[in-house]
Amino acid sequence: MKKKYQLCDLCEQPVKVEGFSLVKPNGVKKFCCEGCLRIFQLLDPEQNSTPENLEKIS
């Protein structure tokens, strides 16, 4: 019997390694690798629109 894996929230590949996750207000996002986690963080509007981040941009 094949083991079922959760799919990566960015690229939809199977998540076979634990440890690449991000807690969001609407739940936990899981990623297959550090690259997907980092790309998601860069593209996530919630992540980039905090007052601390806006100060760094100005």
Foldseek 3Di string as FASTA:
>chain_A
DDDDAAAAPQPGDGQPDPDLWDQDPVGIGHHNDVVRSVVCLVPPPVNCPDPVNVVVVD
